[in-house]
Amino acid sequence: MTTQAFKNILPGLVVMVILVFIAAPGLGFYTGATLAFLAVYTIYDPVPLTSGKGWLRRVAVTLGFMAVIYALFSVLLRVQTLRGLFF
């Protein structure tokens, strides 16, 4: 792996480490994963942070993705996820 490739994936790795060790145990799997997905999407999305349409799309995609994850884990597979402050 080149140095530039490592620099490109480092922010996503940092967010995932925070999710695994802090957010998921503290906030619960779904809340922590939602925040982590939104953070990773925001970091790697080339749309400027000042774009209202960009934020609308980020939030909509995040909520849609998490709805699929919830349906998959909780409804179809009936997997017990980490419980936290909110879920």
Foldseek 3Di string as FASTA:
>chain_A
DDPVVCVVCVVLVVLVVCLVPPVCQAANNLVSVLVSQLVVCVVPPPDDPPDPVVVVVSNVVSVVVSVVVCCVDCPVVNHDTRHHDHD
